[in-house]
Amino acid sequence: MLIMVIGLPGAGKKTHAKKLSQKYELIYVSSGKLLRKMAEHDTSLGTVVNRYIKRGQLVPDQITIRLIREEILKLKDKNMIIEGFPRNIKQTHSLERILYELETDIDLCIYLKVKKQKLVERLSGRRICPRECTIYHVEFRPPQKEGICDKCGASLYQRHDDKKDLIKEKINKNQKNIKEVISYYQNQEIFKTVVGTDKEIKEIQTKLEKLIENRPN
């Protein structure tokens, strides 16, 4: 099984993809996580990736595609859910080539649709556990103790690119690209849209689970 979850930054891709991966025993693959992990490496490539992330800029396609390709090939024949990829039409075509090489297809492509204003609210208040236990929000989902993860006790942090000015810039850059990805998939039976604005996480999650359980054969 191969599930994709796409959407603009802050749409809830990571939150829902991780929940789905646990429920259906899917391997969770995240382009953002792969890039952040690479940025931690003391290598020339790691330095380049880190520079883009700190500036709130999109990492060049060739780097993102390379990391995703390596991960998918490593996990071939495994059930997986890919979050945050593809982000543009070039990445979409690259993914299609990778899947062709593996002689497999996408079972479901889910687009999480959220209004721009709501995205800015979500991202600017987001706080993250460095051990990736969970994601918090200063207003909508605060930890029991300010700045501390409920599950592991680690200090929460705000990503550099979650500052408001960088958020708006990031969303604007992503809007045109995601529309092209949607146009590529929207006439296919595998493509489904779920509106994620002003709904409880559990309600959205239930809809996503129904899509997976009733996905095209």
N, C-alpha and C. Protein backbone atom coordinates (compact mmCIF):
# COMPACT_ATOMS: atom_id res chain seq x y z
N MET A 1 0.84 -1.19 0.00
CA MET A 1 0.00 0.00 0.00
C MET A 1 0.88 1.25 0.00
N LEU A 2 0.51 2.22 -0.82
CA LEU A 2 1.25 3.49 -0.87
C LEU A 2 0.24 4.63 -0.81
N ILE A 3 0.28 5.37 0.31
CA ILE A 3 -0.62 6.50 0.53
C ILE A 3 0.21 7.78 0.51
N MET A 4 -0.32 8.84 -0.11
CA MET A 4 0.33 10.15 -0.11
C MET A 4 -0.57 11.16 0.58
N VAL A 5 0.03 12.03 1.39
CA VAL A 5 -0.70 13.12 2.02
C VAL A 5 -0.02 14.43 1.62
N ILE A 6 -0.73 15.27 0.88
CA ILE A 6 -0.15 16.52 0.41
C ILE A 6 -0.97 17.71 0.93
N GLY A 7 -0.39 18.90 0.84
CA GLY A 7 -1.06 20.11 1.29
C GLY A 7 -0.05 21.19 1.58
N LEU A 8 -0.54 22.39 1.86
CA LEU A 8 0.34 23.51 2.17
C LEU A 8 0.94 23.35 3.57
N PRO A 9 2.03 24.06 3.86
CA PRO A 9 2.62 24.00 5.20
C PRO A 9 1.59 24.35 6.27
N GLY A 10 1.50 23.52 7.32
CA GLY A 10 0.55 23.78 8.39
C GLY A 10 -0.80 23.14 8.21
N ALA A 11 -0.98 22.39 7.12
CA ALA A 11 -2.29 21.78 6.85
C ALA A 11 -2.58 20.59 7.75
N GLY A 12 -1.57 20.09 8.45
CA GLY A 12 -1.76 18.94 9.33
C GLY A 12 -1.28 17.64 8.74
N LYS A 13 -0.45 17.74 7.71
CA LYS A 13 0.04 16.54 7.02
C LYS A 13 0.76 15.58 7.97
N LYS A 14 1.69 16.12 8.74
CA LYS A 14 2.48 15.28 9.63
C LYS A 14 1.61 14.65 10.71
N THR A 15 0.77 15.45 11.35
CA THR A 15 -0.10 14.94 12.42
C THR A 15 -0.94 13.77 11.95
N HIS A 16 -1.62 13.95 10.81
CA HIS A 16 -2.53 12.91 10.33
C HIS A 16 -1.79 11.73 9.72
N ALA A 17 -0.71 12.00 9.01
CA ALA A 17 0.05 10.90 8.39
C ALA A 17 0.64 9.98 9.46
N LYS A 18 1.12 10.55 10.55
CA LYS A 18 1.70 9.72 11.62
C LYS A 18 0.62 8.89 12.30
N LYS A 19 -0.57 9.46 12.49
CA LYS A 19 -1.66 8.70 13.10
C LYS A 19 -2.09 7.55 12.18
N LEU A 20 -2.15 7.84 10.89
CA LEU A 20 -2.54 6.81 9.93
C LEU A 20 -1.48 5.71 9.84
N SER A 21 -0.22 6.11 9.92
CA SER A 21 0.87 5.13 9.85
C SER A 21 0.78 4.15 11.02
N GLN A 22 0.41 4.65 12.19
CA GLN A 22 0.30 3.80 13.37
C GLN A 22 -0.91 2.87 13.28
N LYS A 23 -2.03 3.41 12.83
CA LYS A 23 -3.26 2.61 12.76
C LYS A 23 -3.18 1.49 11.72
N TYR A 24 -2.57 1.81 10.57
CA TYR A 24 -2.54 0.84 9.49
C TYR A 24 -1.16 0.20 9.28
N GLU A 25 -0.26 0.41 10.24
CA GLU A 25 1.08 -0.18 10.20
C GLU A 25 1.80 0.17 8.89
N LEU A 26 1.81 1.45 8.58
CA LEU A 26 2.50 1.95 7.40
C LEU A 26 3.81 2.62 7.82
N ILE A 27 4.83 2.49 7.02
CA ILE A 27 6.09 3.18 7.31
C ILE A 27 5.92 4.65 6.94
N TYR A 28 6.23 5.51 7.88
CA TYR A 28 6.05 6.95 7.70
C TYR A 28 7.27 7.56 7.01
N VAL A 29 7.04 8.18 5.86
CA VAL A 29 8.11 8.82 5.09
C VAL A 29 7.77 10.30 4.95
N SER A 30 8.67 11.15 5.43
CA SER A 30 8.43 12.59 5.40
C SER A 30 9.58 13.31 4.71
N SER A 31 9.27 14.09 3.68
CA SER A 31 10.32 14.84 3.00
C SER A 31 10.95 15.85 3.95
N GLY A 32 10.11 16.50 4.77
CA GLY A 32 10.62 17.48 5.72
C GLY A 32 11.55 16.86 6.74
N LYS A 33 11.17 15.69 7.24
CA LYS A 33 11.99 15.00 8.23
C LYS A 33 13.33 14.58 7.63
N LEU A 34 13.30 14.09 6.39
CA LEU A 34 14.54 13.68 5.72
C LEU A 34 15.47 14.88 5.52
N LEU A 35 14.89 16.02 5.16
CA LEU A 35 15.70 17.23 4.94
C LEU A 35 16.28 17.75 6.25
N ARG A 36 15.46 17.76 7.31
CA ARG A 36 15.96 18.24 8.60
C ARG A 36 17.06 17.32 9.14
N LYS A 37 16.90 16.04 8.90
CA LYS A 37 17.93 15.09 9.33
C LYS A 37 19.23 15.32 8.57
N MET A 38 19.10 15.58 7.27
CA MET A 38 20.28 15.86 6.46
C MET A 38 20.96 17.15 6.92
N ALA A 39 20.16 18.15 7.33
CA ALA A 39 20.70 19.44 7.77
C ALA A 39 21.55 19.31 9.02
N GLU A 40 21.37 18.23 9.77
CA GLU A 40 22.14 18.00 10.99
C GLU A 40 23.52 17.40 10.70
N HIS A 41 23.70 16.90 9.48
CA HIS A 41 24.96 16.26 9.12
C HIS A 41 26.05 17.30 8.85
N ASP A 42 27.22 17.05 9.33
CA ASP A 42 28.35 17.95 9.11
C ASP A 42 29.03 17.61 7.78
N THR A 43 28.26 17.83 6.71
CA THR A 43 28.75 17.57 5.35
C THR A 43 28.42 18.78 4.49
N SER A 44 28.98 18.81 3.29
CA SER A 44 28.70 19.94 2.39
C SER A 44 27.21 19.99 2.04
N LEU A 45 26.60 18.82 1.81
CA LEU A 45 25.18 18.77 1.49
C LEU A 45 24.34 19.18 2.70
N GLY A 46 24.72 18.70 3.87
CA GLY A 46 24.01 19.06 5.09
C GLY A 46 24.05 20.56 5.34
N THR A 47 25.19 21.17 5.07
CA THR A 47 25.35 22.61 5.26
C THR A 47 24.44 23.39 4.31
N VAL A 48 24.36 22.93 3.08
CA VAL A 48 23.50 23.59 2.08
C VAL A 48 22.03 23.50 2.49
N VAL A 49 21.60 22.30 2.88
CA VAL A 49 20.21 22.09 3.28
C VAL A 49 19.88 22.94 4.50
N ASN A 50 20.78 22.97 5.46
CA ASN A 50 20.58 23.75 6.69
C ASN A 50 20.43 25.24 6.39
N ARG A 51 21.19 25.72 5.40
CA ARG A 51 21.13 27.13 5.03
C ARG A 51 19.74 27.48 4.47
N TYR A 52 19.19 26.61 3.63
CA TYR A 52 17.87 26.86 3.06
C TYR A 52 16.79 26.83 4.14
N ILE A 53 16.87 25.85 5.03
CA ILE A 53 15.87 25.70 6.08
C ILE A 53 15.86 26.91 7.00
N LYS A 54 17.04 27.38 7.40
CA LYS A 54 17.14 28.52 8.30
C LYS A 54 16.58 29.80 7.69
N ARG A 55 16.68 29.90 6.37
CA ARG A 55 16.17 31.08 5.69
C ARG A 55 14.68 30.97 5.37
N GLY A 56 14.11 29.80 5.66
CA GLY A 56 12.70 29.59 5.35
C GLY A 56 12.46 29.39 3.87
N GLN A 57 13.50 28.98 3.14
CA GLN A 57 13.41 28.81 1.70
C GLN A 57 13.24 27.33 1.35
N LEU A 58 12.69 27.09 0.17
CA LEU A 58 12.51 25.72 -0.29
C LEU A 58 13.85 25.12 -0.69
N VAL A 59 14.10 23.92 -0.24
CA VAL A 59 15.32 23.21 -0.62
C VAL A 59 15.20 22.83 -2.10
N PRO A 60 16.28 22.98 -2.90
CA PRO A 60 16.21 22.65 -4.32
C PRO A 60 15.65 21.26 -4.59
N ASP A 61 14.89 21.15 -5.66
CA ASP A 61 14.23 19.89 -6.00
C ASP A 61 15.19 18.71 -6.10
N GLN A 62 16.35 18.93 -6.71
CA GLN A 62 17.25 17.80 -6.93
C GLN A 62 17.67 17.15 -5.62
N ILE A 63 17.78 17.95 -4.56
CA ILE A 63 18.17 17.40 -3.25
C ILE A 63 17.00 16.63 -2.64
N THR A 64 15.82 17.26 -2.64
CA THR A 64 14.64 16.61 -2.07
C THR A 64 14.32 15.31 -2.79
N ILE A 65 14.35 15.35 -4.11
CA ILE A 65 14.04 14.16 -4.92
C ILE A 65 15.05 13.05 -4.64
N ARG A 66 16.29 13.42 -4.53
CA ARG A 66 17.34 12.42 -4.24
C ARG A 66 17.09 11.71 -2.91
N LEU A 67 16.75 12.48 -1.87
CA LEU A 67 16.52 11.89 -0.55
C LEU A 67 15.28 11.00 -0.55
N ILE A 68 14.22 11.47 -1.19
CA ILE A 68 12.98 10.68 -1.25
C ILE A 68 13.21 9.41 -2.05
N ARG A 69 13.91 9.52 -3.17
CA ARG A 69 14.17 8.34 -4.00
C ARG A 69 14.93 7.28 -3.21
N GLU A 70 15.97 7.71 -2.52
CA GLU A 70 16.77 6.77 -1.73
C GLU A 70 15.92 6.07 -0.67
N GLU A 71 15.03 6.85 -0.05
CA GLU A 71 14.19 6.30 1.01
C GLU A 71 13.17 5.31 0.46
N ILE A 72 12.53 5.67 -0.65
CA ILE A 72 11.52 4.78 -1.24
C ILE A 72 12.15 3.49 -1.75
N LEU A 73 13.30 3.60 -2.40
CA LEU A 73 13.97 2.40 -2.90
C LEU A 73 14.41 1.50 -1.74
N LYS A 74 14.80 2.11 -0.64
CA LYS A 74 15.22 1.34 0.53
C LYS A 74 14.03 0.58 1.13
N LEU A 75 12.84 1.18 1.00
CA LEU A 75 11.64 0.61 1.60
C LEU A 75 10.75 -0.12 0.60
N LYS A 76 11.28 -0.42 -0.57
CA LYS A 76 10.46 -1.07 -1.61
C LYS A 76 9.83 -2.36 -1.07
N ASP A 77 8.62 -2.62 -1.53
CA ASP A 77 7.82 -3.76 -1.11
C ASP A 77 7.23 -3.58 0.29
N LYS A 78 7.44 -2.40 0.90
CA LYS A 78 6.87 -2.11 2.21
C LYS A 78 5.64 -1.22 2.04
N ASN A 79 4.69 -1.33 2.94
CA ASN A 79 3.55 -0.41 2.94
C ASN A 79 3.99 0.90 3.57
N MET A 80 3.73 2.02 2.90
CA MET A 80 4.21 3.30 3.42
C MET A 80 3.22 4.43 3.16
N ILE A 81 3.39 5.48 3.95
CA ILE A 81 2.63 6.70 3.75
C ILE A 81 3.63 7.84 3.61
N ILE A 82 3.56 8.57 2.50
CA ILE A 82 4.50 9.64 2.20
C ILE A 82 3.83 10.98 2.48
N GLU A 83 4.47 11.79 3.30
CA GLU A 83 3.90 13.08 3.70
C GLU A 83 4.78 14.23 3.20
N GLY A 84 4.12 15.22 2.57
CA GLY A 84 4.85 16.42 2.14
C GLY A 84 5.59 16.29 0.82
N PHE A 85 5.31 15.25 0.08
CA PHE A 85 5.95 15.04 -1.23
C PHE A 85 4.95 14.32 -2.11
N PRO A 86 4.79 14.79 -3.36
CA PRO A 86 5.49 15.88 -4.04
C PRO A 86 4.91 17.25 -3.72
N ARG A 87 5.76 18.28 -3.81
CA ARG A 87 5.36 19.65 -3.54
C ARG A 87 5.15 20.46 -4.82
N ASN A 88 5.65 19.97 -5.94
CA ASN A 88 5.50 20.68 -7.21
C ASN A 88 5.47 19.67 -8.34
N ILE A 89 5.27 20.16 -9.56
CA ILE A 89 5.07 19.25 -10.69
C ILE A 89 6.35 18.50 -11.04
N LYS A 90 7.51 19.11 -10.84
CA LYS A 90 8.77 18.41 -11.11
C LYS A 90 8.93 17.22 -10.17
N GLN A 91 8.62 17.43 -8.90
CA GLN A 91 8.70 16.34 -7.94
C GLN A 91 7.66 15.26 -8.25
N THR A 92 6.51 15.69 -8.75
CA THR A 92 5.45 14.74 -9.13
C THR A 92 5.92 13.82 -10.24
N HIS A 93 6.52 14.39 -11.26
CA HIS A 93 7.02 13.57 -12.38
C HIS A 93 8.14 12.64 -11.92
N SER A 94 8.98 13.15 -11.01
CA SER A 94 10.07 12.32 -10.49
C SER A 94 9.52 11.14 -9.69
N LEU A 95 8.48 11.39 -8.89
CA LEU A 95 7.87 10.32 -8.12
C LEU A 95 7.27 9.26 -9.04
N GLU A 96 6.64 9.70 -10.10
CA GLU A 96 6.06 8.76 -11.05
C GLU A 96 7.13 7.86 -11.67
N ARG A 97 8.29 8.44 -11.94
CA ARG A 97 9.39 7.65 -12.51
C ARG A 97 9.93 6.64 -11.49
N ILE A 98 10.01 7.07 -10.24
CA ILE A 98 10.47 6.17 -9.19
C ILE A 98 9.51 4.98 -9.04
N LEU A 99 8.22 5.26 -9.03
CA LEU A 99 7.22 4.21 -8.87
C LEU A 99 7.18 3.29 -10.09
N TYR A 100 7.42 3.87 -11.26
CA TYR A 100 7.49 3.05 -12.48
C TYR A 100 8.67 2.08 -12.39
N GLU A 101 9.76 2.59 -11.89
CA GLU A 101 10.96 1.76 -11.72
C GLU A 101 10.68 0.60 -10.77
N LEU A 102 9.86 0.84 -9.76
CA LEU A 102 9.52 -0.19 -8.77
C LEU A 102 8.30 -1.02 -9.18
N GLU A 103 7.70 -0.65 -10.30
CA GLU A 103 6.51 -1.34 -10.81
C GLU A 103 5.37 -1.33 -9.79
N THR A 104 5.14 -0.16 -9.22
CA THR A 104 4.07 0.00 -8.24
C THR A 104 3.30 1.29 -8.52
N ASP A 105 2.18 1.47 -7.84
CA ASP A 105 1.33 2.63 -8.07
C ASP A 105 0.91 3.26 -6.74
N ILE A 106 0.39 4.47 -6.82
CA ILE A 106 -0.16 5.15 -5.65
C ILE A 106 -1.57 4.62 -5.42
N ASP A 107 -1.86 4.23 -4.19
CA ASP A 107 -3.19 3.73 -3.85
C ASP A 107 -4.15 4.87 -3.52
N LEU A 108 -3.60 5.94 -2.93
CA LEU A 108 -4.46 7.04 -2.53
C LEU A 108 -3.62 8.31 -2.36
N CYS A 109 -4.11 9.41 -2.93
CA CYS A 109 -3.46 10.72 -2.77
C CYS A 109 -4.46 11.64 -2.07
N ILE A 110 -4.15 12.01 -0.83
CA ILE A 110 -5.07 12.83 -0.03
C ILE A 110 -4.55 14.27 0.05
N TYR A 111 -5.40 15.20 -0.35
CA TYR A 111 -5.06 16.62 -0.27
C TYR A 111 -5.77 17.23 0.93
N LEU A 112 -5.00 17.71 1.91
CA LEU A 112 -5.57 18.40 3.07
C LEU A 112 -5.70 19.88 2.73
N LYS A 113 -6.92 20.35 2.62
CA LYS A 113 -7.18 21.72 2.20
C LYS A 113 -7.50 22.60 3.41
N VAL A 114 -6.69 23.64 3.61
CA VAL A 114 -6.86 24.56 4.74
C VAL A 114 -6.65 25.99 4.25
N LYS A 115 -7.45 26.93 4.73
CA LYS A 115 -7.33 28.33 4.33
C LYS A 115 -6.01 28.93 4.79
N LYS A 116 -5.52 29.91 4.03
CA LYS A 116 -4.23 30.53 4.30
C LYS A 116 -4.16 31.15 5.70
N GLN A 117 -5.21 31.86 6.10
CA GLN A 117 -5.21 32.52 7.41
C GLN A 117 -5.05 31.51 8.53
N LYS A 118 -5.73 30.38 8.40
CA LYS A 118 -5.66 29.33 9.41
C LYS A 118 -4.26 28.71 9.44
N LEU A 119 -3.63 28.60 8.28
CA LEU A 119 -2.27 28.05 8.21
C LEU A 119 -1.29 28.92 9.00
N VAL A 120 -1.41 30.24 8.83
CA VAL A 120 -0.51 31.17 9.53
C VAL A 120 -0.72 31.05 11.04
N GLU A 121 -1.98 30.95 11.48
CA GLU A 121 -2.29 30.81 12.90
C GLU A 121 -1.67 29.53 13.46
N ARG A 122 -1.83 28.46 12.72
CA ARG A 122 -1.31 27.17 13.19
C ARG A 122 0.21 27.17 13.29
N LEU A 123 0.87 27.63 12.25
CA LEU A 123 2.32 27.53 12.20
C LEU A 123 3.02 28.48 13.17
N SER A 124 2.49 29.69 13.32
CA SER A 124 3.15 30.66 14.19
C SER A 124 3.07 30.26 15.65
N GLY A 125 2.06 29.46 16.00
CA GLY A 125 1.92 29.02 17.39
C GLY A 125 2.42 27.60 17.62
N ARG A 126 2.98 26.99 16.61
CA ARG A 126 3.42 25.61 16.71
C ARG A 126 4.70 25.48 17.55
N ARG A 127 4.74 24.49 18.41
CA ARG A 127 5.93 24.17 19.18
C ARG A 127 6.19 22.68 19.05
N ILE A 128 7.44 22.32 18.87
CA ILE A 128 7.78 20.95 18.50
C ILE A 128 8.70 20.30 19.51
N CYS A 129 8.46 19.03 19.76
CA CYS A 129 9.34 18.24 20.62
C CYS A 129 10.53 17.78 19.78
N PRO A 130 11.77 18.00 20.23
CA PRO A 130 12.95 17.59 19.44
C PRO A 130 13.04 16.08 19.25
N ARG A 131 12.37 15.32 20.11
CA ARG A 131 12.37 13.86 19.99
C ARG A 131 11.19 13.36 19.18
N GLU A 132 10.41 14.31 18.65
CA GLU A 132 9.28 14.03 17.76
C GLU A 132 8.19 13.20 18.43
N CYS A 133 8.00 13.43 19.75
CA CYS A 133 6.89 12.76 20.45
C CYS A 133 5.55 13.28 19.93
N THR A 134 5.48 14.61 19.80
CA THR A 134 4.23 15.20 19.35
C THR A 134 4.46 16.67 18.98
N ILE A 135 3.40 17.30 18.44
CA ILE A 135 3.44 18.72 18.08
C ILE A 135 2.41 19.44 18.95
N TYR A 136 2.80 20.58 19.50
CA TYR A 136 1.91 21.36 20.34
C TYR A 136 1.59 22.69 19.68
N HIS A 137 0.63 23.41 20.27
CA HIS A 137 0.30 24.75 19.83
C HIS A 137 0.04 25.60 21.06
N VAL A 138 0.60 26.80 21.09
CA VAL A 138 0.51 27.63 22.29
C VAL A 138 -0.94 27.97 22.66
N GLU A 139 -1.84 27.96 21.69
CA GLU A 139 -3.24 28.30 21.95
C GLU A 139 -4.17 27.09 21.87
N PHE A 140 -4.05 26.31 20.78
CA PHE A 140 -5.01 25.24 20.52
C PHE A 140 -4.65 23.91 21.19
N ARG A 141 -3.35 23.69 21.43
CA ARG A 141 -2.94 22.43 22.05
C ARG A 141 -1.68 22.64 22.89
N PRO A 142 -1.80 23.41 23.97
CA PRO A 142 -0.62 23.71 24.79
C PRO A 142 -0.21 22.50 25.63
N PRO A 143 1.07 22.37 25.96
CA PRO A 143 1.50 21.28 26.85
C PRO A 143 1.03 21.57 28.27
N GLN A 144 1.03 20.56 29.11
CA GLN A 144 0.59 20.75 30.49
C GLN A 144 1.49 21.74 31.21
N LYS A 145 2.81 21.67 30.92
CA LYS A 145 3.77 22.60 31.48
C LYS A 145 4.37 23.40 30.34
N GLU A 146 4.31 24.70 30.42
CA GLU A 146 4.74 25.55 29.32
C GLU A 146 6.17 25.22 28.86
N GLY A 147 6.29 24.97 27.54
CA GLY A 147 7.61 24.74 26.95
C GLY A 147 8.17 23.36 27.16
N ILE A 148 7.39 22.43 27.75
CA ILE A 148 7.89 21.09 28.04
C ILE A 148 6.97 20.03 27.44
N CYS A 149 7.55 19.03 26.78
CA CYS A 149 6.77 17.95 26.19
C CYS A 149 6.12 17.10 27.28
N ASP A 150 4.83 16.84 27.14
CA ASP A 150 4.11 16.03 28.12
C ASP A 150 4.63 14.60 28.18
N LYS A 151 5.08 14.08 27.04
CA LYS A 151 5.43 12.66 26.96
C LYS A 151 6.85 12.34 27.42
N CYS A 152 7.81 13.21 27.07
CA CYS A 152 9.21 12.86 27.36
C CYS A 152 9.95 13.90 28.21
N GLY A 153 9.33 15.06 28.43
CA GLY A 153 9.96 16.08 29.26
C GLY A 153 11.00 16.94 28.56
N ALA A 154 11.14 16.78 27.25
CA ALA A 154 12.12 17.58 26.51
C ALA A 154 11.60 19.01 26.33
N SER A 155 12.52 19.95 26.16
CA SER A 155 12.15 21.35 25.93
C SER A 155 11.64 21.53 24.51
N LEU A 156 10.47 22.12 24.37
CA LEU A 156 9.89 22.36 23.05
C LEU A 156 10.59 23.54 22.38
N TYR A 157 10.55 23.55 21.05
CA TYR A 157 11.17 24.65 20.33
C TYR A 157 10.27 25.10 19.17
N GLN A 158 10.52 26.30 18.72
CA GLN A 158 9.81 26.83 17.55
C GLN A 158 10.77 26.79 16.37
N ARG A 159 10.34 26.15 15.29
CA ARG A 159 11.18 26.10 14.10
C ARG A 159 11.44 27.51 13.58
N HIS A 160 12.65 27.71 13.06
CA HIS A 160 13.02 29.03 12.56
C HIS A 160 12.06 29.51 11.48
N ASP A 161 11.61 28.58 10.64
CA ASP A 161 10.72 28.97 9.54
C ASP A 161 9.26 29.05 9.97
N ASP A 162 8.98 28.98 11.28
CA ASP A 162 7.62 29.17 11.78
C ASP A 162 7.39 30.60 12.29
N LYS A 163 8.31 31.51 11.98
CA LYS A 163 8.09 32.91 12.28
C LYS A 163 7.11 33.47 11.23
N LYS A 164 6.25 34.43 11.63
CA LYS A 164 5.15 34.86 10.77
C LYS A 164 5.58 35.36 9.40
N ASP A 165 6.65 36.15 9.35
CA ASP A 165 7.06 36.68 8.05
C ASP A 165 7.54 35.56 7.12
N LEU A 166 8.24 34.59 7.68
CA LEU A 166 8.71 33.47 6.87
C LEU A 166 7.57 32.53 6.50
N ILE A 167 6.58 32.41 7.39
CA ILE A 167 5.43 31.56 7.10
C ILE A 167 4.67 32.06 5.88
N LYS A 168 4.37 33.35 5.86
CA LYS A 168 3.62 33.92 4.73
C LYS A 168 4.38 33.76 3.43
N GLU A 169 5.69 33.97 3.50
CA GLU A 169 6.51 33.81 2.30
C GLU A 169 6.49 32.36 1.82
N LYS A 170 6.58 31.44 2.78
CA LYS A 170 6.61 30.02 2.45
C LYS A 170 5.29 29.57 1.84
N ILE A 171 4.18 30.02 2.40
CA ILE A 171 2.87 29.64 1.89
C ILE A 171 2.65 30.17 0.48
N ASN A 172 3.02 31.43 0.27
CA ASN A 172 2.86 32.03 -1.06
C ASN A 172 3.65 31.27 -2.11
N LYS A 173 4.85 30.84 -1.77
CA LYS A 173 5.69 30.10 -2.72
C LYS A 173 5.09 28.73 -3.01
N ASN A 174 4.45 28.15 -2.00
CA ASN A 174 3.92 26.80 -2.15
C ASN A 174 2.58 26.73 -2.87
N GLN A 175 1.80 27.82 -2.85
CA GLN A 175 0.43 27.79 -3.37
C GLN A 175 0.38 27.42 -4.86
N LYS A 176 1.18 28.08 -5.66
CA LYS A 176 1.18 27.81 -7.10
C LYS A 176 1.63 26.37 -7.36
N ASN A 177 2.66 25.95 -6.64
CA ASN A 177 3.19 24.61 -6.85
C ASN A 177 2.19 23.51 -6.51
N ILE A 178 1.50 23.68 -5.37
CA ILE A 178 0.56 22.63 -4.96
C ILE A 178 -0.63 22.55 -5.91
N LYS A 179 -1.01 23.68 -6.49
CA LYS A 179 -2.10 23.67 -7.47
C LYS A 179 -1.75 22.82 -8.68
N GLU A 180 -0.48 22.86 -9.09
CA GLU A 180 -0.05 22.05 -10.22
C GLU A 180 -0.08 20.57 -9.88
N VAL A 181 0.28 20.23 -8.65
CA VAL A 181 0.24 18.83 -8.22
C VAL A 181 -1.21 18.35 -8.19
N ILE A 182 -2.09 19.19 -7.65
CA ILE A 182 -3.51 18.84 -7.59
C ILE A 182 -4.07 18.62 -8.99
N SER A 183 -3.71 19.51 -9.92
CA SER A 183 -4.18 19.39 -11.30
C SER A 183 -3.74 18.07 -11.93
N TYR A 184 -2.56 17.63 -11.54
CA TYR A 184 -2.02 16.37 -12.10
C TYR A 184 -2.83 15.16 -11.62
N TYR A 185 -3.24 15.18 -10.37
CA TYR A 185 -3.90 14.00 -9.78
C TYR A 185 -5.42 14.08 -9.72
N GLN A 186 -6.00 15.28 -9.78
CA GLN A 186 -7.40 15.44 -9.41
C GLN A 186 -8.40 14.68 -10.28
N ASN A 187 -8.05 14.36 -11.49
CA ASN A 187 -8.96 13.60 -12.35
C ASN A 187 -8.77 12.10 -12.24
N GLN A 188 -7.88 11.70 -11.33
CA GLN A 188 -7.64 10.28 -11.11
C GLN A 188 -8.49 9.80 -9.93
N GLU A 189 -8.88 8.54 -9.98
CA GLU A 189 -9.74 7.99 -8.93
C GLU A 189 -9.06 7.99 -7.56
N ILE A 190 -7.74 7.99 -7.56
CA ILE A 190 -6.99 7.91 -6.30
C ILE A 190 -7.00 9.23 -5.53
N PHE A 191 -7.37 10.34 -6.18
CA PHE A 191 -7.26 11.67 -5.56
C PHE A 191 -8.50 12.02 -4.74
N LYS A 192 -8.27 12.41 -3.49
CA LYS A 192 -9.36 12.80 -2.60
C LYS A 192 -8.97 14.07 -1.85
N THR A 193 -9.95 14.95 -1.61
CA THR A 193 -9.73 16.19 -0.86
C THR A 193 -10.46 16.13 0.47
N VAL A 194 -9.76 16.52 1.53
CA VAL A 194 -10.37 16.61 2.86
C VAL A 194 -10.12 18.02 3.37
N VAL A 195 -11.20 18.74 3.70
CA VAL A 195 -11.08 20.09 4.22
C VAL A 195 -10.71 20.02 5.70
N GLY A 196 -9.60 20.69 6.06
CA GLY A 196 -9.10 20.58 7.42
C GLY A 196 -9.31 21.81 8.27
N THR A 197 -10.10 22.77 7.84
CA THR A 197 -10.29 24.01 8.59
C THR A 197 -11.46 23.89 9.56
N ASP A 198 -11.22 24.37 10.80
CA ASP A 198 -12.27 24.46 11.82
C ASP A 198 -12.95 23.12 12.12
N LYS A 199 -12.20 22.04 12.07
CA LYS A 199 -12.72 20.73 12.44
C LYS A 199 -11.77 20.11 13.46
N GLU A 200 -12.32 19.29 14.32
CA GLU A 200 -11.50 18.60 15.31
C GLU A 200 -10.61 17.58 14.61
N ILE A 201 -9.43 17.36 15.19
CA ILE A 201 -8.49 16.40 14.61
C ILE A 201 -9.13 15.03 14.48
N LYS A 202 -9.89 14.60 15.48
CA LYS A 202 -10.51 13.28 15.44
C LYS A 202 -11.50 13.17 14.29
N GLU A 203 -12.24 14.26 14.03
CA GLU A 203 -13.22 14.25 12.94
C GLU A 203 -12.52 14.11 11.60
N ILE A 204 -11.44 14.85 11.41
CA ILE A 204 -10.68 14.77 10.16
C ILE A 204 -10.06 13.38 10.02
N GLN A 205 -9.52 12.88 11.14
CA GLN A 205 -8.87 11.57 11.11
C GLN A 205 -9.86 10.47 10.71
N THR A 206 -11.08 10.57 11.20
CA THR A 206 -12.10 9.58 10.85
C THR A 206 -12.37 9.58 9.35
N LYS A 207 -12.42 10.78 8.77
CA LYS A 207 -12.64 10.89 7.32
C LYS A 207 -11.48 10.26 6.55
N LEU A 208 -10.26 10.51 7.02
CA LEU A 208 -9.10 9.95 6.35
C LEU A 208 -9.09 8.43 6.43
N GLU A 209 -9.46 7.90 7.57
CA GLU A 209 -9.50 6.45 7.74
C GLU A 209 -10.52 5.82 6.81
N LYS A 210 -11.66 6.49 6.64
CA LYS A 210 -12.69 5.97 5.73
C LYS A 210 -12.19 5.96 4.29
N LEU A 211 -11.42 6.99 3.93
CA LEU A 211 -10.86 7.03 2.58
C LEU A 211 -9.91 5.86 2.34
N ILE A 212 -9.09 5.56 3.33
CA ILE A 212 -8.14 4.46 3.18
C ILE A 212 -8.88 3.12 3.11
N GLU A 213 -9.85 2.96 3.95
CA GLU A 213 -10.59 1.68 3.99
C GLU A 213 -11.46 1.49 2.76
N ASN A 214 -11.85 2.59 2.11
CA ASN A 214 -12.69 2.50 0.91
C ASN A 214 -11.94 2.91 -0.35
N ARG A 215 -10.60 2.85 -0.28
CA ARG A 215 -9.78 3.29 -1.41
C ARG A 215 -10.03 2.39 -2.63
N PRO A 216 -9.78 2.95 -3.83
CA PRO A 216 -9.96 2.15 -5.06
C PRO A 216 -9.04 0.93 -5.05
N ASN A 217 -9.53 -0.18 -5.57
CA ASN A 217 -8.71 -1.39 -5.64
C ASN A 217 -7.77 -1.34 -6.84
